[in-house]
Amino acid sequence: MTREEAIHLLGVSDSSTDQDIQKKYNDLYNDYQIRLTNAPTPNLKKLYQKNLQELNEAVNLLLKSETAGILKDLPSSAPVFESGEQQQNTPSQPQTTYGSQNIATNSSKKNQPAPKSTSKGVYIFGVLCVILLSVAILLFIFFNENKQIVAEQENSIAVLRAHSDSVSILLNDYTSKFSNGLMQIKNEGSEPLNVTWLIVSYRNETGGFTKLEKWMDVTIRAGGSEKLQVVEGSKVTWDGSVISYAFGINYAGREIFQSGIWSNDAVDGALVFNLDQKD
């Protein structure tokens, strides 16, 4: 992987600081880790695992040697003592002398009632119960929200695949009437537009019919346009060729589903969106 490829993969510039690169790496790593955990198919799991590996290669290439070491050597959770410090901080063992005075003192201590520590133990137990209850509530909220997100994603994917399969059947019957185009999206709205997932059908180099499923994270600024493609490392695995398409859009907090035939919907080689105009 070259430095230019690593910069493109992390979405930073050549003048970005180590802190900027580290922050972008953490954001992308957490995003791919969540997607890997919630991936509904084995193919998507393998894809996110590969994405994580490429992120690590890219950040180790870009960061300086002393900063890159932070990713490899995490601090130990156990305390570390300097030479001689452990001995200095270790309490010395109490010395015991035997004599008539000590024997009398010990005898008197036996007859004295033991100090009561019940109230202190109850207090500690109560604090532990409150902490455990708080953790249980937080875990319940987290997993409940996570299940809801996964259910919504699986529902979207099911609808998407059903639509994609119907489009594939149509293309199998009338493949001679359709040809590849290069996918480009134009945003004529006033807010950034984010493409979150994509499924396309296209003809490969041998003329065969191919379907691509891909989680995306492409942001198109207001008034801008973007050509979609998939680049893994230094290799372009999908150049944007498309016959039929279906993808998800996030615009100003709204989740939008779009699908169709490229040759019917593209205007001047691009799909044009103005999502400020609500239907």
C-alpha atoms as a PDB file:
ATOM      1  CA  MET A   1       0.000   0.000   0.000  1.00  0.00           C
ATOM      2  CA  THR A   2       1.395   3.409  -0.978  1.00  0.00           C
ATOM      3  CA  ARG A   3       1.160   6.588   1.096  1.00  0.00           C
ATOM      4  CA  GLU A   4      -1.335   8.078  -1.389  1.00  0.00           C
ATOM      5  CA  GLU A   5      -3.559   4.991  -1.101  1.00  0.00           C
ATOM      6  CA  ALA A   6      -3.383   5.150   2.715  1.00  0.00           C
ATOM      7  CA  ILE A   7      -4.369   8.845   2.670  1.00  0.00           C
ATOM      8  CA  HIS A   8      -7.305   8.073   0.375  1.00  0.00           C
ATOM      9  CA  LEU A   9      -8.394   5.094   2.482  1.00  0.00           C
ATOM     10  CA  LEU A  10      -8.418   7.087   5.745  1.00  0.00           C
ATOM     11  CA  GLY A  11      -9.994  10.145   4.131  1.00  0.00           C
ATOM     12  CA  VAL A  12      -7.287  12.559   5.322  1.00  0.00           C
ATOM     13  CA  SER A  13      -4.956  14.965   3.526  1.00  0.00           C
ATOM     14  CA  ASP A  14      -1.208  14.952   3.118  1.00  0.00           C
ATOM     15  CA  SER A  15      -0.949  17.844   5.606  1.00  0.00           C
ATOM     16  CA  SER A  16      -3.035  16.157   8.336  1.00  0.00           C
ATOM     17  CA  THR A  17      -1.421  15.904  11.761  1.00  0.00           C
ATOM     18  CA  ASP A  18      -0.850  12.652  13.623  1.00  0.00           C
ATOM     19  CA  GLN A  19      -3.745  13.537  15.930  1.00  0.00           C
ATOM     20  CA  ASP A  20      -6.079  14.041  12.947  1.00  0.00           C
ATOM     21  CA  ILE A  21      -4.994  10.736  11.414  1.00  0.00           C
ATOM     22  CA  GLN A  22      -5.413   8.913  14.746  1.00  0.00           C
ATOM     23  CA  LYS A  23      -8.905  10.408  15.262  1.00  0.00           C
ATOM     24  CA  LYS A  24     -10.015   9.465  11.734  1.00  0.00           C
ATOM     25  CA  TYR A  25      -8.616   5.962  12.224  1.00  0.00           C
ATOM     26  CA  ASN A  26     -10.522   5.531  15.513  1.00  0.00           C
ATOM     27  CA  ASP A  27     -13.786   6.718  13.927  1.00  0.00           C
ATOM     28  CA  LEU A  28     -13.444   4.380  10.937  1.00  0.00           C
ATOM     29  CA  TYR A  29     -12.287   1.463  13.093  1.00  0.00           C
ATOM     30  CA  ASN A  30     -15.264   1.776  15.475  1.00  0.00           C
ATOM     31  CA  ASP A  31     -17.671   2.083  12.530  1.00  0.00           C
ATOM     32  CA  TYR A  32     -16.330  -1.033  10.789  1.00  0.00           C
ATOM     33  CA  GLN A  33     -16.241  -2.936  14.101  1.00  0.00           C
ATOM     34  CA  ILE A  34     -19.949  -2.222  14.676  1.00  0.00           C
ATOM     35  CA  ARG A  35     -20.758  -3.253  11.109  1.00  0.00           C
ATOM     36  CA  LEU A  36     -18.698  -6.433  11.498  1.00  0.00           C
ATOM     37  CA  THR A  37     -20.598  -7.328  14.675  1.00  0.00           C
ATOM     38  CA  ASN A  38     -23.989  -6.727  13.025  1.00  0.00           C
ATOM     39  CA  ALA A  39     -23.143  -8.089   9.541  1.00  0.00           C
ATOM     40  CA  PRO A  40     -26.041 -10.316   8.395  1.00  0.00           C
ATOM     41  CA  THR A  41     -24.042 -12.421   5.909  1.00  0.00           C
ATOM     42  CA  PRO A  42     -20.642 -14.198   5.973  1.00  0.00           C
ATOM     43  CA  ASN A  43     -19.522 -12.258   2.893  1.00  0.00           C
ATOM     44  CA  LEU A  44     -20.074  -8.916   4.638  1.00  0.00           C
ATOM     45  CA  LYS A  45     -18.195 -10.180   7.724  1.00  0.00           C
ATOM     46  CA  LYS A  46     -15.184 -11.086   5.548  1.00  0.00           C
ATOM     47  CA  LEU A  47     -15.398  -7.693   3.845  1.00  0.00           C
ATOM     48  CA  TYR A  48     -15.386  -5.744   7.141  1.00  0.00           C
ATOM     49  CA  GLN A  49     -12.515  -7.875   8.468  1.00  0.00           C
ATOM     50  CA  LYS A  50     -10.538  -6.962   5.349  1.00  0.00           C
ATOM     51  CA  ASN A  51     -11.479  -3.291   5.752  1.00  0.00           C
ATOM     52  CA  LEU A  52     -10.169  -3.324   9.342  1.00  0.00           C
ATOM     53  CA  GLN A  53      -6.906  -4.907   8.203  1.00  0.00           C
ATOM     54  CA  GLU A  54      -6.450  -2.239   5.511  1.00  0.00           C
ATOM     55  CA  LEU A  55      -7.166   0.514   8.057  1.00  0.00           C
ATOM     56  CA  ASN A  56      -4.387  -0.826  10.299  1.00  0.00           C
ATOM     57  CA  GLU A  57      -1.968  -0.967   7.360  1.00  0.00           C
ATOM     58  CA  ALA A  58      -2.864   2.584   6.337  1.00  0.00           C
ATOM     59  CA  VAL A  59      -2.519   4.155   9.790  1.00  0.00           C
ATOM     60  CA  ASN A  60       0.801   2.383  10.482  1.00  0.00           C
ATOM     61  CA  LEU A  61       2.085   3.703   7.151  1.00  0.00           C
ATOM     62  CA  LEU A  62       1.027   7.317   7.794  1.00  0.00           C
ATOM     63  CA  LEU A  63       1.845   7.778  11.475  1.00  0.00           C
ATOM     64  CA  LYS A  64       5.353   8.533  12.620  1.00  0.00           C
ATOM     65  CA  SER A  65       7.295   5.655  14.158  1.00  0.00           C
ATOM     66  CA  GLU A  66       6.951   6.917  17.727  1.00  0.00           C
ATOM     67  CA  THR A  67       3.188   7.426  17.284  1.00  0.00           C
ATOM     68  CA  ALA A  68       2.655   4.127  15.523  1.00  0.00           C
ATOM     69  CA  GLY A  69       4.018   2.350  18.549  1.00  0.00           C
ATOM     70  CA  ILE A  70       0.942   3.460  20.470  1.00  0.00           C
ATOM     71  CA  LEU A  71      -1.174   1.116  18.359  1.00  0.00           C
ATOM     72  CA  LYS A  72       1.041  -1.874  19.096  1.00  0.00           C
ATOM     73  CA  ASP A  73       2.203  -1.502  22.734  1.00  0.00           C
ATOM     74  CA  LEU A  74      -0.700  -0.749  25.028  1.00  0.00           C
ATOM     75  CA  PRO A  75       0.100   0.030  28.682  1.00  0.00           C
ATOM     76  CA  SER A  76      -0.169  -2.837  31.121  1.00  0.00           C
ATOM     77  CA  SER A  77      -3.087  -2.839  33.540  1.00  0.00           C
ATOM     78  CA  ALA A  78      -0.833  -4.040  36.396  1.00  0.00           C
ATOM     79  CA  PRO A  79       1.250  -1.512  38.387  1.00  0.00           C
ATOM     80  CA  VAL A  80       4.947  -1.281  37.502  1.00  0.00           C
ATOM     81  CA  PHE A  81       7.524  -0.482  40.172  1.00  0.00           C
ATOM     82  CA  GLU A  82      10.915   1.112  39.697  1.00  0.00           C
ATOM     83  CA  SER A  83      13.885  -0.731  41.120  1.00  0.00           C
ATOM     84  CA  GLY A  84      13.928  -0.313  44.875  1.00  0.00           C
ATOM     85  CA  GLU A  85      10.516   1.361  44.949  1.00  0.00           C
ATOM     86  CA  GLN A  86       8.634  -1.820  45.736  1.00  0.00           C
ATOM     87  CA  GLN A  87      10.801  -2.551  48.704  1.00  0.00           C
ATOM     88  CA  GLN A  88      10.461   1.000  49.944  1.00  0.00           C
ATOM     89  CA  ASN A  89       6.644   0.990  49.753  1.00  0.00           C
ATOM     90  CA  THR A  90       6.236  -2.521  51.176  1.00  0.00           C
ATOM     91  CA  PRO A  91       5.219  -2.255  54.830  1.00  0.00           C
ATOM     92  CA  SER A  92       7.613  -3.912  57.222  1.00  0.00           C
ATOM     93  CA  GLN A  93       6.423  -6.880  59.238  1.00  0.00           C
ATOM     94  CA  PRO A  94       5.491  -6.036  62.837  1.00  0.00           C
ATOM     95  CA  GLN A  95       7.948  -7.220  65.418  1.00  0.00           C
ATOM     96  CA  THR A  96       6.597  -9.223  68.310  1.00  0.00           C
ATOM     97  CA  THR A  97       8.209  -9.221  71.748  1.00  0.00           C
ATOM     98  CA  TYR A  98       7.291 -11.611  74.468  1.00  0.00           C
ATOM     99  CA  GLY A  99       7.190 -10.531  78.060  1.00  0.00           C
ATOM    100  CA  SER A 100       4.898 -10.288  81.017  1.00  0.00           C
ATOM    101  CA  GLN A 101       3.567  -6.936  79.925  1.00  0.00           C
ATOM    102  CA  ASN A 102       2.662  -8.185  76.429  1.00  0.00           C
ATOM    103  CA  ILE A 103       1.003 -11.308  77.834  1.00  0.00           C
ATOM    104  CA  ALA A 104      -1.156  -9.221  80.125  1.00  0.00           C
ATOM    105  CA  THR A 105      -2.094  -6.915  77.301  1.00  0.00           C
ATOM    106  CA  ASN A 106      -3.067  -9.844  75.071  1.00  0.00           C
ATOM    107  CA  SER A 107      -5.181 -11.324  77.862  1.00  0.00           C
ATOM    108  CA  SER A 108      -7.039  -8.070  78.326  1.00  0.00           C
ATOM    109  CA  LYS A 109      -7.647  -7.821  74.585  1.00  0.00           C
ATOM    110  CA  LYS A 110      -9.249 -11.266  74.551  1.00  0.00           C
ATOM    111  CA  ASN A 111     -11.764 -10.142  77.101  1.00  0.00           C
ATOM    112  CA  GLN A 112     -12.635  -6.987  75.164  1.00  0.00           C
ATOM    113  CA  PRO A 113     -15.472  -7.172  72.591  1.00  0.00           C
ATOM    114  CA  ALA A 114     -14.421  -7.099  68.930  1.00  0.00           C
ATOM    115  CA  PRO A 115     -15.031  -3.789  67.163  1.00  0.00           C
ATOM    116  CA  LYS A 116     -18.247  -3.735  65.190  1.00  0.00           C
ATOM    117  CA  SER A 117     -17.755  -3.427  61.418  1.00  0.00           C
ATOM    118  CA  THR A 118     -21.242  -4.519  60.413  1.00  0.00           C
ATOM    119  CA  SER A 119     -22.427  -1.040  59.418  1.00  0.00           C
ATOM    120  CA  LYS A 120     -19.378  -0.511  57.209  1.00  0.00           C
ATOM    121  CA  GLY A 121     -19.876  -3.867  55.492  1.00  0.00           C
ATOM    122  CA  VAL A 122     -23.548  -3.118  54.865  1.00  0.00           C
ATOM    123  CA  TYR A 123     -22.615   0.257  53.363  1.00  0.00           C
ATOM    124  CA  ILE A 124     -20.068  -1.323  50.983  1.00  0.00           C
ATOM    125  CA  PHE A 125     -22.554  -4.026  50.010  1.00  0.00           C
ATOM    126  CA  GLY A 126     -25.192  -1.377  49.261  1.00  0.00           C
ATOM    127  CA  VAL A 127     -22.788   0.609  47.074  1.00  0.00           C
ATOM    128  CA  LEU A 128     -21.863  -2.537  45.126  1.00  0.00           C
ATOM    129  CA  CYS A 129     -25.554  -3.360  44.605  1.00  0.00           C
ATOM    130  CA  VAL A 130     -26.226   0.143  43.226  1.00  0.00           C
ATOM    131  CA  ILE A 131     -23.244  -0.125  40.858  1.00  0.00           C
ATOM    132  CA  LEU A 132     -24.284  -3.565  39.613  1.00  0.00           C
ATOM    133  CA  LEU A 133     -27.868  -2.407  39.119  1.00  0.00           C
ATOM    134  CA  SER A 134     -26.699   0.635  37.139  1.00  0.00           C
ATOM    135  CA  VAL A 135     -24.497  -1.542  34.920  1.00  0.00           C
ATOM    136  CA  ALA A 136     -27.376  -3.970  34.336  1.00  0.00           C
ATOM    137  CA  ILE A 137     -29.704  -1.113  33.334  1.00  0.00           C
ATOM    138  CA  LEU A 138     -27.105   0.345  30.936  1.00  0.00           C
ATOM    139  CA  LEU A 139     -26.476  -3.068  29.355  1.00  0.00           C
ATOM    140  CA  PHE A 140     -30.204  -3.623  28.944  1.00  0.00           C
ATOM    141  CA  ILE A 141     -30.637  -0.248  27.242  1.00  0.00           C
ATOM    142  CA  PHE A 142     -27.611  -0.826  24.999  1.00  0.00           C
ATOM    143  CA  PHE A 143     -28.614  -4.305  23.835  1.00  0.00           C
ATOM    144  CA  ASN A 144     -32.245  -3.287  23.400  1.00  0.00           C
ATOM    145  CA  GLU A 145     -31.270  -0.365  21.148  1.00  0.00           C
ATOM    146  CA  ASN A 146     -28.728  -2.538  19.337  1.00  0.00           C
ATOM    147  CA  LYS A 147     -31.384  -5.192  18.607  1.00  0.00           C
ATOM    148  CA  GLN A 148     -33.698  -2.519  17.245  1.00  0.00           C
ATOM    149  CA  ILE A 149     -30.972  -1.150  14.943  1.00  0.00           C
ATOM    150  CA  VAL A 150     -30.096  -4.650  13.698  1.00  0.00           C
ATOM    151  CA  ALA A 151     -33.782  -5.424  13.085  1.00  0.00           C
ATOM    152  CA  GLU A 152     -34.193  -2.223  11.067  1.00  0.00           C
ATOM    153  CA  GLN A 153     -31.078  -2.991   9.025  1.00  0.00           C
ATOM    154  CA  GLU A 154     -32.203  -6.571   8.352  1.00  0.00           C
ATOM    155  CA  ASN A 155     -35.631  -5.332   7.287  1.00  0.00           C
ATOM    156  CA  SER A 156     -34.064  -2.811   4.893  1.00  0.00           C
ATOM    157  CA  ILE A 157     -31.774  -5.482   3.461  1.00  0.00           C
ATOM    158  CA  ALA A 158     -34.694  -7.915   3.030  1.00  0.00           C
ATOM    159  CA  VAL A 159     -36.687  -5.291   1.104  1.00  0.00           C
ATOM    160  CA  LEU A 160     -33.623  -4.413  -0.903  1.00  0.00           C
ATOM    161  CA  ARG A 161     -32.859  -8.020  -1.833  1.00  0.00           C
ATOM    162  CA  ALA A 162     -36.464  -8.703  -2.788  1.00  0.00           C
ATOM    163  CA  HIS A 163     -36.392  -5.708  -5.108  1.00  0.00           C
ATOM    164  CA  SER A 164     -32.932  -6.622  -6.420  1.00  0.00           C
ATOM    165  CA  ASP A 165     -34.035 -10.197  -7.188  1.00  0.00           C
ATOM    166  CA  SER A 166     -37.033  -8.945  -9.162  1.00  0.00           C
ATOM    167  CA  VAL A 167     -34.762  -6.613 -11.117  1.00  0.00           C
ATOM    168  CA  SER A 168     -32.346  -9.488 -11.769  1.00  0.00           C
ATOM    169  CA  ILE A 169     -35.183 -11.623 -13.189  1.00  0.00           C
ATOM    170  CA  LEU A 170     -36.171  -8.750 -15.442  1.00  0.00           C
ATOM    171  CA  LEU A 171     -32.602  -8.334 -16.630  1.00  0.00           C
ATOM    172  CA  ASN A 172     -32.189 -12.044 -17.294  1.00  0.00           C
ATOM    173  CA  ASP A 173     -35.187 -11.877 -19.617  1.00  0.00           C
ATOM    174  CA  TYR A 174     -34.174  -8.688 -21.401  1.00  0.00           C
ATOM    175  CA  THR A 175     -30.391  -8.434 -21.021  1.00  0.00           C
ATOM    176  CA  SER A 176     -29.981  -7.441 -24.640  1.00  0.00           C
ATOM    177  CA  LYS A 177     -31.892  -4.208 -23.964  1.00  0.00           C
ATOM    178  CA  PHE A 178     -29.612  -2.941 -21.185  1.00  0.00           C
ATOM    179  CA  SER A 179     -25.967  -1.931 -21.039  1.00  0.00           C
ATOM    180  CA  ASN A 180     -23.603  -0.738 -18.328  1.00  0.00           C
ATOM    181  CA  GLY A 181     -23.333   2.883 -17.223  1.00  0.00           C
ATOM    182  CA  LEU A 182     -20.965   4.457 -14.682  1.00  0.00           C
ATOM    183  CA  MET A 183     -22.799   5.332 -11.475  1.00  0.00           C
ATOM    184  CA  GLN A 184     -22.750   8.983 -10.415  1.00  0.00           C
ATOM    185  CA  ILE A 185     -24.987  10.819  -7.927  1.00  0.00           C
ATOM    186  CA  LYS A 186     -25.619  14.571  -7.963  1.00  0.00           C
ATOM    187  CA  ASN A 187     -26.903  16.381  -4.861  1.00  0.00           C
ATOM    188  CA  GLU A 188     -28.909  19.527  -5.683  1.00  0.00           C
ATOM    189  CA  GLY A 189     -30.216  19.879  -2.106  1.00  0.00           C
ATOM    190  CA  SER A 190     -29.026  22.325   0.533  1.00  0.00           C
ATOM    191  CA  GLU A 191     -27.690  19.653   2.929  1.00  0.00           C
ATOM    192  CA  PRO A 192     -24.990  16.944   2.549  1.00  0.00           C
ATOM    193  CA  LEU A 193     -26.270  13.603   1.234  1.00  0.00           C
ATOM    194  CA  ASN A 194     -24.854  10.352   2.609  1.00  0.00           C
ATOM    195  CA  VAL A 195     -25.034   7.001   0.746  1.00  0.00           C
ATOM    196  CA  THR A 196     -25.106   4.244   3.413  1.00  0.00           C
ATOM    197  CA  TRP A 197     -25.510   0.988   1.410  1.00  0.00           C
ATOM    198  CA  LEU A 198     -25.678  -0.111  -2.209  1.00  0.00           C
ATOM    199  CA  ILE A 199     -26.715  -3.091  -4.366  1.00  0.00           C
ATOM    200  CA  VAL A 200     -26.135  -2.945  -8.124  1.00  0.00           C
ATOM    201  CA  SER A 201     -26.408  -5.342 -11.064  1.00  0.00           C
ATOM    202  CA  TYR A 202     -24.004  -5.020 -13.985  1.00  0.00           C
ATOM    203  CA  ARG A 203     -22.161  -6.942 -16.704  1.00  0.00           C
ATOM    204  CA  ASN A 204     -18.639  -8.046 -15.841  1.00  0.00           C
ATOM    205  CA  GLU A 205     -15.634  -8.210 -18.169  1.00  0.00           C
ATOM    206  CA  THR A 206     -16.726 -11.571 -19.599  1.00  0.00           C
ATOM    207  CA  GLY A 207     -20.255 -10.336 -20.305  1.00  0.00           C
ATOM    208  CA  GLY A 208     -21.752 -12.254 -17.390  1.00  0.00           C
ATOM    209  CA  PHE A 209     -24.385 -10.809 -15.072  1.00  0.00           C
ATOM    210  CA  THR A 210     -23.023  -9.778 -11.630  1.00  0.00           C
ATOM    211  CA  LYS A 211     -24.613  -8.392  -8.445  1.00  0.00           C
ATOM    212  CA  LEU A 212     -22.681  -6.299  -5.897  1.00  0.00           C
ATOM    213  CA  GLU A 213     -23.763  -5.764  -2.264  1.00  0.00           C
ATOM    214  CA  LYS A 214     -21.805  -3.139  -0.345  1.00  0.00           C
ATOM    215  CA  TRP A 215     -22.086  -1.011   2.794  1.00  0.00           C
ATOM    216  CA  MET A 216     -21.098   2.520   1.824  1.00  0.00           C
ATOM    217  CA  ASP A 217     -20.085   5.697   3.634  1.00  0.00           C
ATOM    218  CA  VAL A 218     -19.988   8.293   0.870  1.00  0.00           C
ATOM    219  CA  THR A 219     -20.929  11.900   1.641  1.00  0.00           C
ATOM    220  CA  ILE A 220     -21.861  14.222  -1.225  1.00  0.00           C
ATOM    221  CA  ARG A 221     -21.808  17.919  -0.371  1.00  0.00           C
ATOM    222  CA  ALA A 222     -24.668  20.248  -1.270  1.00  0.00           C
ATOM    223  CA  GLY A 223     -24.466  21.113  -4.956  1.00  0.00           C
ATOM    224  CA  GLY A 224     -21.784  18.474  -5.587  1.00  0.00           C
ATOM    225  CA  SER A 225     -21.632  15.109  -7.325  1.00  0.00           C
ATOM    226  CA  GLU A 226     -19.754  11.867  -6.701  1.00  0.00           C
ATOM    227  CA  LYS A 227     -18.828   8.892  -8.880  1.00  0.00           C
ATOM    228  CA  LEU A 228     -19.311   5.683  -6.898  1.00  0.00           C
ATOM    229  CA  GLN A 229     -16.790   2.855  -7.068  1.00  0.00           C
ATOM    230  CA  VAL A 230     -15.175   0.284  -4.750  1.00  0.00           C
ATOM    231  CA  VAL A 231     -11.406   0.404  -4.179  1.00  0.00           C
ATOM    232  CA  GLU A 232      -9.745  -2.264  -2.036  1.00  0.00           C
ATOM    233  CA  GLY A 233      -6.115  -1.483  -1.404  1.00  0.00           C
ATOM    234  CA  SER A 234      -4.656  -0.427  -4.759  1.00  0.00           C
ATOM    235  CA  LYS A 235      -7.193  -2.380  -6.823  1.00  0.00           C
ATOM    236  CA  VAL A 236     -10.508  -1.104  -8.163  1.00  0.00           C
ATOM    237  CA  THR A 237     -12.879  -4.033  -7.575  1.00  0.00           C
ATOM    238  CA  TRP A 238     -15.912  -2.192  -8.953  1.00  0.00           C
ATOM    239  CA  ASP A 239     -15.509   0.698 -11.401  1.00  0.00           C
ATOM    240  CA  GLY A 240     -19.066   2.004 -11.008  1.00  0.00           C
ATOM    241  CA  SER A 241     -20.651  -0.065 -13.796  1.00  0.00           C
ATOM    242  CA  VAL A 242     -24.396  -0.375 -13.265  1.00  0.00           C
ATOM    243  CA  ILE A 243     -27.519  -1.624 -15.028  1.00  0.00           C
ATOM    244  CA  SER A 244     -29.956  -1.759 -12.109  1.00  0.00           C
ATOM    245  CA  TYR A 245     -29.441  -0.192  -8.704  1.00  0.00           C
ATOM    246  CA  ALA A 246     -30.827   0.097  -5.193  1.00  0.00           C
ATOM    247  CA  PHE A 247     -29.301   2.086  -2.348  1.00  0.00           C
ATOM    248  CA  GLY A 248     -30.012   3.855   0.943  1.00  0.00           C
ATOM    249  CA  ILE A 249     -29.620   7.587   1.561  1.00  0.00           C
ATOM    250  CA  ASN A 250     -29.449   9.599   4.773  1.00  0.00           C
ATOM    251  CA  TYR A 251     -30.432  13.215   4.184  1.00  0.00           C
ATOM    252  CA  ALA A 252     -30.991  15.666   7.035  1.00  0.00           C
ATOM    253  CA  GLY A 253     -31.878  12.772   9.385  1.00  0.00           C
ATOM    254  CA  ARG A 254     -34.233  11.122   6.889  1.00  0.00           C
ATOM    255  CA  GLU A 255     -33.633   7.531   5.708  1.00  0.00           C
ATOM    256  CA  ILE A 256     -34.560   7.184   2.017  1.00  0.00           C
ATOM    257  CA  PHE A 257     -34.607   4.078  -0.207  1.00  0.00           C
ATOM    258  CA  GLN A 258     -33.999   4.475  -3.978  1.00  0.00           C
ATOM    259  CA  SER A 259     -33.959   1.884  -6.776  1.00  0.00           C
ATOM    260  CA  GLY A 260     -34.435   1.609 -10.518  1.00  0.00           C
ATOM    261  CA  ILE A 261     -32.871   0.998 -13.945  1.00  0.00           C
ATOM    262  CA  TRP A 262     -29.875   3.207 -14.719  1.00  0.00           C
ATOM    263  CA  SER A 263     -30.682   3.761 -18.391  1.00  0.00           C
ATOM    264  CA  ASN A 264     -34.193   4.943 -17.483  1.00  0.00           C
ATOM    265  CA  ASP A 265     -33.327   7.194 -14.526  1.00  0.00           C
ATOM    266  CA  ALA A 266     -29.921   8.762 -15.252  1.00  0.00           C
ATOM    267  CA  VAL A 267     -29.913  12.325 -16.562  1.00  0.00           C
ATOM    268  CA  ASP A 268     -26.708  13.341 -18.368  1.00  0.00           C
ATOM    269  CA  GLY A 269     -24.915  10.372 -16.780  1.00  0.00           C
ATOM    270  CA  ALA A 270     -26.024  11.003 -13.186  1.00  0.00           C
ATOM    271  CA  LEU A 271     -28.898  10.418 -10.758  1.00  0.00           C
ATOM    272  CA  VAL A 272     -30.049  13.869  -9.652  1.00  0.00           C
ATOM    273  CA  PHE A 273     -31.517  14.393  -6.143  1.00  0.00           C
ATOM    274  CA  ASN A 274     -33.103  17.484  -4.656  1.00  0.00           C
ATOM    275  CA  LEU A 275     -34.398  16.152  -1.338  1.00  0.00           C
ATOM    276  CA  ASP A 276     -35.412  19.589  -0.046  1.00  0.00           C
ATOM    277  CA  GLN A 277     -38.547  19.105  -2.133  1.00  0.00           C
ATOM    278  CA  LYS A 278     -40.518  16.612  -0.042  1.00  0.00           C
ATOM    279  CA  ASP A 279     -42.997  14.374  -1.854  1.00  0.00           C
END
